[in-house]
Amino acid sequence: MDLSTVKPLDLLLQLFRSSSGQLSIKSKLILMLLLVSGFSTLLTAGLGYRSAQINLTNRVFNQLTSVRASKGYQIEAYFSNIENHTLTLSEDLSIVAAVQEFDAAYQQLGSSMLPPNALQTLEQYYRSFPQAVARSSKRWQRLQPGARPSPSDLSEYRV
């Protein structure tokens, strides 16, 4: 008998056949129990998979809900902190005086005349500023290799 042409179900049936070619009662009962247990195993596995999928989906949804609530609380706390800080600063007399002085200086700026070359000088300053900082930074790095300059190291270029 060539095993490559034999189907597994035919082979199984041949094992259970009696000498007369019919399945015996014992063979029929064993075959029936195999089929019932296989079906019940597949059904149980399917139900377990579906239950696990539902539970996992619910758990992820609950986690995302708690993350949303946590982020909402953080945002509310941030804005509350900013509001409290603003209220504190608005009651500080030095801040109030500084705002009043700034307002007066701004009003005065509107009525004053700029020198003729002021705009040109300002434009030249801002065009040369990046190159000056780069030169100073390279000079500083030659003195301290691998380090980054702090703003105080570039103080000669402050406005």
Protein backbone atom coordinates (compact mmCIF):
# COMPACT_ATOMS: atom_id res chain seq x y z
CA MET A 1 0.00 0.00 0.00
CA ASP A 2 1.43 3.41 -1.08
CA LEU A 3 1.08 5.91 1.79
CA SER A 4 1.37 8.96 -0.47
CA THR A 5 -1.98 8.20 -2.13
CA VAL A 6 -3.86 7.19 1.03
CA LYS A 7 -6.02 9.86 2.65
CA PRO A 8 -5.80 10.16 6.45
CA LEU A 9 -9.53 9.63 6.90
CA ASP A 10 -9.45 6.42 4.82
CA LEU A 11 -6.50 5.19 6.86
CA LEU A 12 -8.36 5.89 10.09
CA LEU A 13 -11.45 4.09 8.83
CA GLN A 14 -9.37 1.06 7.80
CA LEU A 15 -7.97 0.80 11.29
CA PHE A 16 -11.47 0.65 12.79
CA ARG A 17 -13.02 -1.74 10.27
CA SER A 18 -13.70 -5.30 11.30
CA SER A 19 -12.78 -8.23 9.14
CA SER A 20 -16.11 -8.05 7.31
CA GLY A 21 -15.44 -4.45 6.16
CA GLN A 22 -18.00 -2.82 8.45
CA LEU A 23 -17.20 -0.59 11.41
CA SER A 24 -17.70 -2.33 14.70
CA ILE A 25 -19.76 -0.74 17.46
CA LYS A 26 -16.61 -0.16 19.50
CA SER A 27 -15.01 1.65 16.56
CA LYS A 28 -18.12 3.73 15.97
CA LEU A 29 -18.24 4.78 19.64
CA ILE A 30 -14.53 5.72 19.65
CA LEU A 31 -14.93 7.68 16.41
CA MET A 32 -18.00 9.45 17.75
CA LEU A 33 -16.23 10.36 21.03
CA LEU A 34 -13.24 11.68 19.05
CA LEU A 35 -15.48 13.87 16.92
CA VAL A 36 -17.50 15.16 19.88
CA SER A 37 -14.38 15.92 21.95
CA GLY A 38 -12.69 17.61 18.96
CA PHE A 39 -15.76 19.75 18.31
CA SER A 40 -16.09 20.70 21.99
CA THR A 41 -12.37 21.57 22.14
CA LEU A 42 -12.70 23.84 19.09
CA LEU A 43 -15.83 25.46 20.51
CA THR A 44 -14.16 26.06 23.89
CA ALA A 45 -11.07 27.52 22.19
CA GLY A 46 -13.22 29.86 20.08
CA LEU A 47 -15.20 31.04 23.10
CA GLY A 48 -11.99 31.56 25.10
CA TYR A 49 -10.44 33.55 22.25
CA ARG A 50 -13.51 35.77 21.93
CA SER A 51 -13.68 36.30 25.71
CA ALA A 52 -9.99 37.21 25.85
CA GLN A 53 -10.41 39.61 22.93
CA ILE A 54 -13.36 41.36 24.63
CA ASN A 55 -11.53 41.57 27.97
CA LEU A 56 -8.38 42.94 26.33
CA THR A 57 -10.38 45.54 24.39
CA ASN A 58 -12.15 46.64 27.59
CA ARG A 59 -8.87 46.86 29.47
CA VAL A 60 -7.22 48.98 26.77
CA PHE A 61 -10.29 51.23 26.64
CA ASN A 62 -10.19 51.69 30.43
CA GLN A 63 -6.47 52.47 30.34
CA LEU A 64 -6.95 55.05 27.60
CA THR A 65 -9.81 56.58 29.57
CA SER A 66 -7.60 56.90 32.66
CA VAL A 67 -4.77 58.42 30.57
CA ARG A 68 -7.24 60.95 29.16
CA ALA A 69 -8.41 61.87 32.65
CA SER A 70 -4.83 62.16 33.89
CA LYS A 71 -3.82 64.42 31.00
CA GLY A 72 -6.91 66.53 31.54
CA TYR A 73 -6.00 66.95 35.19
CA GLN A 74 -2.42 67.92 34.25
CA ILE A 75 -3.63 70.55 31.79
CA GLU A 76 -6.07 71.99 34.33
CA ALA A 77 -3.34 72.09 36.97
CA TYR A 78 -0.99 73.84 34.53
CA PHE A 79 -3.52 76.55 33.67
CA SER A 80 -4.45 76.95 37.33
CA ASN A 81 -0.78 77.42 38.16
CA ILE A 82 -0.40 80.01 35.38
CA GLU A 83 -3.53 81.82 36.60
CA ASN A 84 -2.25 81.90 40.19
CA HIS A 85 1.16 83.10 39.02
CA THR A 86 -0.45 85.86 36.94
CA LEU A 87 -2.60 86.96 39.88
CA THR A 88 0.46 87.05 42.13
CA LEU A 89 2.43 89.12 39.63
CA SER A 90 -0.48 91.51 39.05
CA GLU A 91 -0.52 92.36 42.74
CA ASP A 92 3.25 92.98 42.94
CA LEU A 93 3.90 96.72 43.17
CA SER A 94 7.17 96.53 41.23
CA ILE A 95 5.42 94.80 38.32
CA VAL A 96 2.62 97.38 38.35
CA ALA A 97 5.20 100.21 38.33
CA ALA A 98 7.17 98.56 35.53
CA VAL A 99 4.03 98.20 33.38
CA GLN A 100 3.15 101.85 33.97
CA GLU A 101 6.68 102.94 33.01
CA PHE A 102 6.59 100.73 29.92
CA ASP A 103 3.26 102.24 28.88
CA ALA A 104 4.61 105.76 29.33
CA ALA A 105 7.77 104.93 27.37
CA TYR A 106 5.70 103.39 24.59
CA GLN A 107 3.51 106.50 24.38
CA GLN A 108 6.66 108.64 24.27
CA LEU A 109 8.17 106.46 21.53
CA GLY A 110 5.23 107.20 19.25
CA SER A 111 5.88 110.94 19.37
CA SER A 112 9.71 110.85 19.11
CA MET A 113 11.70 111.01 15.90
CA LEU A 114 14.45 108.50 15.11
CA PRO A 115 17.82 109.65 13.82
CA PRO A 116 18.15 109.20 10.03
CA ASN A 117 20.62 106.31 10.24
CA ALA A 118 18.92 104.45 13.15
CA LEU A 119 17.08 101.96 10.95
CA GLN A 120 20.23 101.28 8.93
CA THR A 121 22.30 100.77 12.11
CA LEU A 122 19.71 98.40 13.57
CA GLU A 123 19.52 96.37 10.35
CA GLN A 124 23.34 96.14 10.18
CA TYR A 125 23.48 94.97 13.82
CA TYR A 126 20.99 92.14 13.25
CA ARG A 127 22.66 91.07 10.01
CA SER A 128 26.11 90.82 11.70
CA PHE A 129 24.91 89.32 14.99
CA PRO A 130 24.82 85.60 13.93
CA GLN A 131 28.34 85.78 12.44
CA ALA A 132 29.70 87.54 15.53
CA VAL A 133 28.19 84.91 17.83
CA ALA A 134 29.57 82.11 15.65
CA ARG A 135 33.08 83.65 15.72
CA SER A 136 32.93 84.07 19.48
CA SER A 137 31.62 80.52 19.92
CA LYS A 138 34.45 79.08 17.80
CA ARG A 139 37.00 81.11 19.76
CA TRP A 140 35.51 79.84 23.03
CA GLN A 141 35.49 76.21 21.85
CA ARG A 142 39.17 76.45 20.90
CA LEU A 143 39.88 77.36 24.51
CA GLN A 144 37.63 74.60 25.91
CA PRO A 145 37.27 71.75 23.37
CA GLY A 146 34.03 69.79 23.46
CA ALA A 147 32.23 72.29 25.70
CA ARG A 148 29.34 74.51 24.67
CA PRO A 149 29.41 78.22 25.52
CA SER A 150 26.83 79.61 27.90
CA PRO A 151 25.11 82.93 27.24
CA SER A 152 27.43 84.64 29.74
CA ASP A 153 30.42 83.59 27.61
CA LEU A 154 28.97 85.57 24.72
CA SER A 155 28.33 88.68 26.81
CA GLU A 156 30.24 91.00 24.47
CA TYR A 157 27.40 90.54 21.93
CA ARG A 158 24.53 91.34 24.25
CA VAL A 159 22.11 94.09 23.33
